[in-house]
């Protein structure tokens, strides 16, 4: 993953309590740090704003979204 990628929560992320407000939301990666427990900053659209995540809690946004 790199800055500018569109993401959504992975199944691991959907099962995490602090990620509940980001379910079914789309985000964009705004920063990636070299170290730390939560190195990826994601800005969530129509959600809580900027939140730090682990890589395991995120997946690339599917190109074909079901509506």
PDB file of N, CA and C in Angstrom:
ATOM      1  N   UNK A   1       0.847  -1.184   0.000  1.00  0.00           N
ATOM      2  CA  UNK A   1       0.000   0.000   0.000  1.00  0.00           C
ATOM      3  C   UNK A   1       0.884   1.235   0.000  1.00  0.00           C
ATOM      4  N   UNK A   2       0.319   2.307  -0.562  1.00  0.00           N
ATOM      5  CA  UNK A   2       1.061   3.559  -0.608  1.00  0.00           C
ATOM      6  C   UNK A   2       0.087   4.724  -0.426  1.00  0.00           C
ATOM      7  N   UNK A   3       0.645   5.890  -0.170  1.00  0.00           N
ATOM      8  CA  UNK A   3      -0.172   7.095   0.003  1.00  0.00           C
ATOM      9  C   UNK A   3      -0.996   7.318  -1.261  1.00  0.00           C
ATOM     10  N   UNK A   4      -2.272   7.603  -1.079  1.00  0.00           N
ATOM     11  CA  UNK A   4      -3.178   7.846  -2.191  1.00  0.00           C
ATOM     12  C   UNK A   4      -4.052   6.659  -2.549  1.00  0.00           C
ATOM     13  N   UNK A   5      -3.744   5.468  -2.030  1.00  0.00           N
ATOM     14  CA  UNK A   5      -4.566   4.285  -2.304  1.00  0.00           C
ATOM     15  C   UNK A   5      -5.904   4.400  -1.582  1.00  0.00           C
ATOM     16  N   UNK A   6      -6.969   3.955  -2.256  1.00  0.00           N
ATOM     17  CA  UNK A   6      -8.287   3.894  -1.644  1.00  0.00           C
ATOM     18  C   UNK A   6      -8.423   2.554  -0.937  1.00  0.00           C
ATOM     19  N   UNK A   7      -8.947   2.590   0.289  1.00  0.00           N
ATOM     20  CA  UNK A   7      -9.039   1.384   1.103  1.00  0.00           C
ATOM     21  C   UNK A   7     -10.401   1.269   1.767  1.00  0.00           C
ATOM     22  N   UNK A   8     -10.649   0.070   2.278  1.00  0.00           N
ATOM     23  CA  UNK A   8     -11.794  -0.215   3.128  1.00  0.00           C
ATOM     24  C   UNK A   8     -11.307  -1.185   4.195  1.00  0.00           C
ATOM     25  N   UNK A   9     -12.147  -1.489   5.173  1.00  0.00           N
ATOM     26  CA  UNK A   9     -11.734  -2.401   6.229  1.00  0.00           C
ATOM     27  C   UNK A   9     -11.679  -3.829   5.716  1.00  0.00           C
ATOM     28  N   UNK A  10     -10.679  -4.561   6.165  1.00  0.00           N
ATOM     29  CA  UNK A  10     -10.596  -5.993   5.885  1.00  0.00           C
ATOM     30  C   UNK A  10     -11.520  -6.715   6.865  1.00  0.00           C
ATOM     31  N   UNK A  11     -11.632  -8.029   6.737  1.00  0.00           N
ATOM     32  CA  UNK A  11     -12.465  -8.778   7.682  1.00  0.00           C
ATOM     33  C   UNK A  11     -11.900  -8.664   9.098  1.00  0.00           C
ATOM     34  N   UNK A  12     -10.580  -8.605   9.231  1.00  0.00           N
ATOM     35  CA  UNK A  12      -9.975  -8.405  10.553  1.00  0.00           C
ATOM     36  C   UNK A  12     -10.343  -7.042  11.111  1.00  0.00           C
ATOM     37  N   UNK A  13     -10.350  -6.028  10.273  1.00  0.00           N
ATOM     38  CA  UNK A  13     -10.712  -4.684  10.708  1.00  0.00           C
ATOM     39  C   UNK A  13     -12.174  -4.569  11.100  1.00  0.00           C
ATOM     40  N   UNK A  14     -13.049  -5.243  10.349  1.00  0.00           N
ATOM     41  CA  UNK A  14     -14.474  -5.204  10.683  1.00  0.00           C
ATOM     42  C   UNK A  14     -14.761  -5.863  12.016  1.00  0.00           C
ATOM     43  N   UNK A  15     -13.907  -6.795  12.434  1.00  0.00           N
ATOM     44  CA  UNK A  15     -14.087  -7.466  13.714  1.00  0.00           C
ATOM     45  C   UNK A  15     -13.494  -6.724  14.899  1.00  0.00           C
ATOM     46  N   UNK A  16     -12.823  -5.621  14.649  1.00  0.00           N
ATOM     47  CA  UNK A  16     -12.187  -4.835  15.704  1.00  0.00           C
ATOM     48  C   UNK A  16     -13.171  -3.795  16.231  1.00  0.00           C
ATOM     49  N   UNK A  17     -13.264  -3.693  17.540  1.00  0.00           N
ATOM     50  CA  UNK A  17     -14.231  -2.793  18.162  1.00  0.00           C
ATOM     51  C   UNK A  17     -14.063  -1.337  17.776  1.00  0.00           C
ATOM     52  N   UNK A  18     -12.817  -0.831  17.749  1.00  0.00           N
ATOM     53  CA  UNK A  18     -12.629   0.597  17.478  1.00  0.00           C
ATOM     54  C   UNK A  18     -12.879   0.946  16.017  1.00  0.00           C
ATOM     55  N   UNK A  19     -13.042  -0.037  15.151  1.00  0.00           N
ATOM     56  CA  UNK A  19     -13.272   0.230  13.727  1.00  0.00           C
ATOM     57  C   UNK A  19     -14.760   0.217  13.345  1.00  0.00           C
ATOM     58  N   UNK A  20     -15.650   0.050  14.304  1.00  0.00           N
ATOM     59  CA  UNK A  20     -17.071  -0.080  13.984  1.00  0.00           C
ATOM     60  C   UNK A  20     -17.626   1.104  13.200  1.00  0.00           C
ATOM     61  N   UNK A  21     -17.169   2.315  13.495  1.00  0.00           N
ATOM     62  CA  UNK A  21     -17.705   3.488  12.810  1.00  0.00           C
ATOM     63  C   UNK A  21     -17.205   3.603  11.373  1.00  0.00           C
ATOM     64  N   UNK A  22     -16.237   2.763  10.990  1.00  0.00           N
ATOM     65  CA  UNK A  22     -15.670   2.824   9.644  1.00  0.00           C
ATOM     66  C   UNK A  22     -16.172   1.702   8.735  1.00  0.00           C
ATOM     67  N   UNK A  23     -17.054   0.876   9.253  1.00  0.00           N
ATOM     68  CA  UNK A  23     -17.601  -0.204   8.430  1.00  0.00           C
ATOM     69  C   UNK A  23     -18.376   0.380   7.266  1.00  0.00           C
ATOM     70  N   UNK A  24     -18.234  -0.251   6.118  1.00  0.00           N
ATOM     71  CA  UNK A  24     -18.908   0.159   4.873  1.00  0.00           C
ATOM     72  C   UNK A  24     -18.527   1.574   4.456  1.00  0.00           C
ATOM     73  N   UNK A  25     -17.342   2.027   4.842  1.00  0.00           N
ATOM     74  CA  UNK A  25     -16.838   3.352   4.457  1.00  0.00           C
ATOM     75  C   UNK A  25     -15.629   3.184   3.553  1.00  0.00           C
ATOM     76  N   UNK A  26     -15.314   4.234   2.828  1.00  0.00           N
ATOM     77  CA  UNK A  26     -14.138   4.285   1.971  1.00  0.00           C
ATOM     78  C   UNK A  26     -13.176   5.309   2.539  1.00  0.00           C
ATOM     79  N   UNK A  27     -11.891   4.981   2.483  1.00  0.00           N
ATOM     80  CA  UNK A  27     -10.879   5.899   2.981  1.00  0.00           C
ATOM     81  C   UNK A  27      -9.722   6.006   2.010  1.00  0.00           C
ATOM     82  N   UNK A  28      -8.877   6.997   2.243  1.00  0.00           N
ATOM     83  CA  UNK A  28      -7.675   7.188   1.429  1.00  0.00           C
ATOM     84  C   UNK A  28      -6.476   7.263   2.373  1.00  0.00           C
ATOM     85  N   UNK A  29      -5.402   6.577   2.009  1.00  0.00           N
ATOM     86  CA  UNK A  29      -4.194   6.595   2.822  1.00  0.00           C
ATOM     87  C   UNK A  29      -3.519   7.949   2.662  1.00  0.00           C
ATOM     88  N   UNK A  30      -3.274   8.624   3.796  1.00  0.00           N
ATOM     89  CA  UNK A  30      -2.662   9.949   3.761  1.00  0.00           C
ATOM     90  C   UNK A  30      -1.233   9.961   4.278  1.00  0.00           C
ATOM     91  N   UNK A  31      -0.842   8.940   5.061  1.00  0.00           N
ATOM     92  CA  UNK A  31       0.526   8.882   5.563  1.00  0.00           C
ATOM     93  C   UNK A  31       0.854   7.458   5.979  1.00  0.00           C
ATOM     94  N   UNK A  32       2.103   7.060   5.741  1.00  0.00           N
ATOM     95  CA  UNK A  32       2.605   5.765   6.199  1.00  0.00           C
ATOM     96  C   UNK A  32       3.924   6.016   6.910  1.00  0.00           C
ATOM     97  N   UNK A  33       3.994   5.600   8.167  1.00  0.00           N
ATOM     98  CA  UNK A  33       5.219   5.750   8.952  1.00  0.00           C
ATOM     99  C   UNK A  33       6.010   4.448   8.897  1.00  0.00           C
ATOM    100  N   UNK A  34       7.301   4.556   9.148  1.00  0.00           N
ATOM    101  CA  UNK A  34       8.200   3.403   9.092  1.00  0.00           C
ATOM    102  C   UNK A  34       8.020   2.458  10.281  1.00  0.00           C
ATOM    103  N   UNK A  35       7.587   2.982  11.420  1.00  0.00           N
ATOM    104  CA  UNK A  35       7.466   2.136  12.604  1.00  0.00           C
ATOM    105  C   UNK A  35       6.220   2.506  13.392  1.00  0.00           C
ATOM    106  N   UNK A  36       5.967   1.728  14.417  1.00  0.00           N
ATOM    107  CA  UNK A  36       4.818   1.986  15.268  1.00  0.00           C
ATOM    108  C   UNK A  36       3.789   0.888  15.136  1.00  0.00           C
ATOM    109  N   UNK A  37       2.917   0.795  16.124  1.00  0.00           N
ATOM    110  CA  UNK A  37       1.897  -0.243  16.119  1.00  0.00           C
ATOM    111  C   UNK A  37       0.831   0.026  15.049  1.00  0.00           C
ATOM    112  N   UNK A  38       0.517   1.294  14.822  1.00  0.00           N
ATOM    113  CA  UNK A  38      -0.490   1.684  13.835  1.00  0.00           C
ATOM    114  C   UNK A  38       0.157   2.666  12.851  1.00  0.00           C
ATOM    115  N   UNK A  39       0.893   2.170  11.878  1.00  0.00           N
ATOM    116  CA  UNK A  39       1.704   3.053  11.029  1.00  0.00           C
ATOM    117  C   UNK A  39       0.964   3.724   9.873  1.00  0.00           C
ATOM    118  N   UNK A  40      -0.275   3.340   9.610  1.00  0.00           N
ATOM    119  CA  UNK A  40      -0.972   3.857   8.431  1.00  0.00           C
ATOM    120  C   UNK A  40      -2.079   4.816   8.860  1.00  0.00           C
ATOM    121  N   UNK A  41      -2.026   6.057   8.371  1.00  0.00           N
ATOM    122  CA  UNK A  41      -3.084   7.044   8.612  1.00  0.00           C
ATOM    123  C   UNK A  41      -4.040   7.029   7.428  1.00  0.00           C
ATOM    124  N   UNK A  42      -5.310   6.855   7.736  1.00  0.00           N
ATOM    125  CA  UNK A  42      -6.357   6.823   6.707  1.00  0.00           C
ATOM    126  C   UNK A  42      -7.355   7.928   7.008  1.00  0.00           C
ATOM    127  N   UNK A  43      -7.691   8.707   5.983  1.00  0.00           N
ATOM    128  CA  UNK A  43      -8.786   9.681   6.102  1.00  0.00           C
ATOM    129  C   UNK A  43     -10.034   8.997   5.569  1.00  0.00           C
ATOM    130  N   UNK A  44     -11.038   8.840   6.440  1.00  0.00           N
ATOM    131  CA  UNK A  44     -12.285   8.171   6.064  1.00  0.00           C
ATOM    132  C   UNK A  44     -13.301   9.191   5.572  1.00  0.00           C
ATOM    133  N   UNK A  45     -13.855   8.950   4.383  1.00  0.00           N
ATOM    134  CA  UNK A  45     -14.892   9.814   3.823  1.00  0.00           C
ATOM    135  C   UNK A  45     -16.205   9.504   4.532  1.00  0.00           C
ATOM    136  N   UNK A  46     -16.989  10.513   4.856  1.00  0.00           N
ATOM    137  CA  UNK A  46     -18.271  10.352   5.556  1.00  0.00           C
ATOM    138  C   UNK A  46     -18.111   9.521   6.818  1.00  0.00           C
ATOM    139  N   UNK A  47     -17.012   9.714   7.505  1.00  0.00           N
ATOM    140  CA  UNK A  47     -16.757   8.945   8.712  1.00  0.00           C
ATOM    141  C   UNK A  47     -16.033   9.767   9.747  1.00  0.00           C
ATOM    142  N   UNK A  48     -15.209   9.113  10.549  1.00  0.00           N
ATOM    143  CA  UNK A  48     -14.574   9.787  11.681  1.00  0.00           C
ATOM    144  C   UNK A  48     -13.373  10.655  11.332  1.00  0.00           C
ATOM    145  N   UNK A  49     -13.025  10.798  10.066  1.00  0.00           N
ATOM    146  CA  UNK A  49     -11.862  11.609   9.703  1.00  0.00           C
ATOM    147  C   UNK A  49     -10.610  10.766   9.644  1.00  0.00           C
ATOM    148  N   UNK A  50      -9.496  11.298  10.173  1.00  0.00           N
ATOM    149  CA  UNK A  50      -8.210  10.606  10.092  1.00  0.00           C
ATOM    150  C   UNK A  50      -8.030   9.662  11.281  1.00  0.00           C
ATOM    151  N   UNK A  51      -7.722   8.399  10.976  1.00  0.00           N
ATOM    152  CA  UNK A  51      -7.556   7.365  11.994  1.00  0.00           C
ATOM    153  C   UNK A  51      -6.334   6.525  11.631  1.00  0.00           C
ATOM    154  N   UNK A  52      -5.578   6.102  12.641  1.00  0.00           N
ATOM    155  CA  UNK A  52      -4.408   5.242  12.432  1.00  0.00           C
ATOM    156  C   UNK A  52      -4.834   3.774  12.430  1.00  0.00           C
ATOM    157  N   UNK A  53      -4.177   2.986  11.560  1.00  0.00           N
ATOM    158  CA  UNK A  53      -4.525   1.571  11.422  1.00  0.00           C
ATOM    159  C   UNK A  53      -3.293   0.702  11.261  1.00  0.00           C
ATOM    160  N   UNK A  54      -3.479  -0.572  11.509  1.00  0.00           N
ATOM    161  CA  UNK A  54      -2.513  -1.603  11.153  1.00  0.00           C
ATOM    162  C   UNK A  54      -2.797  -2.017   9.711  1.00  0.00           C
ATOM    163  N   UNK A  55      -1.802  -2.549   9.056  1.00  0.00           N
ATOM    164  CA  UNK A  55      -1.983  -3.012   7.673  1.00  0.00           C
ATOM    165  C   UNK A  55      -3.024  -4.128   7.605  1.00  0.00           C
ATOM    166  N   UNK A  56      -3.053  -5.003   8.608  1.00  0.00           N
ATOM    167  CA  UNK A  56      -3.985  -6.134   8.603  1.00  0.00           C
ATOM    168  C   UNK A  56      -5.447  -5.704   8.659  1.00  0.00           C
ATOM    169  N   UNK A  57      -5.726  -4.489   9.125  1.00  0.00           N
ATOM    170  CA  UNK A  57      -7.107  -4.019   9.235  1.00  0.00           C
ATOM    171  C   UNK A  57      -7.633  -3.392   7.945  1.00  0.00           C
ATOM    172  N   UNK A  58      -6.785  -3.298   6.937  1.00  0.00           N
ATOM    173  CA  UNK A  58      -7.167  -2.621   5.694  1.00  0.00           C
ATOM    174  C   UNK A  58      -7.036  -3.537   4.492  1.00  0.00           C
ATOM    175  N   UNK A  59      -7.828  -3.228   3.464  1.00  0.00           N
ATOM    176  CA  UNK A  59      -7.662  -3.878   2.167  1.00  0.00           C
ATOM    177  C   UNK A  59      -7.934  -2.838   1.091  1.00  0.00           C
ATOM    178  N   UNK A  60      -7.410  -3.092  -0.099  1.00  0.00           N
ATOM    179  CA  UNK A  60      -7.646  -2.183  -1.209  1.00  0.00           C
ATOM    180  C   UNK A  60      -9.132  -2.146  -1.522  1.00  0.00           C
ATOM    181  N   UNK A  61      -9.624  -0.994  -1.927  1.00  0.00           N
ATOM    182  CA  UNK A  61     -11.024  -0.850  -2.306  1.00  0.00           C
ATOM    183  C   UNK A  61     -11.282  -1.663  -3.564  1.00  0.00           C
ATOM    184  N   UNK A  62     -12.335  -2.433  -3.541  1.00  0.00           N
ATOM    185  CA  UNK A  62     -12.699  -3.230  -4.699  1.00  0.00           C
ATOM    186  C   UNK A  62     -13.078  -2.315  -5.863  1.00  0.00           C
ATOM    187  N   UNK A  63     -12.629  -2.646  -7.059  1.00  0.00           N
ATOM    188  CA  UNK A  63     -12.957  -1.810  -8.222  1.00  0.00           C
ATOM    189  C   UNK A  63     -14.421  -1.931  -8.603  1.00  0.00           C
ATOM    190  N   UNK A  64     -15.062  -3.020  -8.233  1.00  0.00           N
ATOM    191  CA  UNK A  64     -16.487  -3.198  -8.521  1.00  0.00           C
ATOM    192  C   UNK A  64     -17.245  -3.235  -7.211  1.00  0.00           C
ATOM    193  N   UNK A  65     -17.794  -2.098  -6.833  1.00  0.00           N
ATOM    194  CA  UNK A  65     -18.565  -1.999  -5.585  1.00  0.00           C
ATOM    195  C   UNK A  65     -20.006  -2.384  -5.837  1.00  0.00           C
ATOM    196  N   UNK A  66     -20.567  -3.226  -4.962  1.00  0.00           N
ATOM    197  CA  UNK A  66     -21.985  -3.579  -5.052  1.00  0.00           C
ATOM    198  C   UNK A  66     -22.807  -2.458  -4.448  1.00  0.00           C
ATOM    199  N   UNK A  67     -23.902  -2.141  -5.087  1.00  0.00           N
ATOM    200  CA  UNK A  67     -24.777  -1.072  -4.583  1.00  0.00           C
ATOM    201  C   UNK A  67     -26.093  -1.632  -4.141  1.00  0.00           C
TER     202      UNK A  67
END
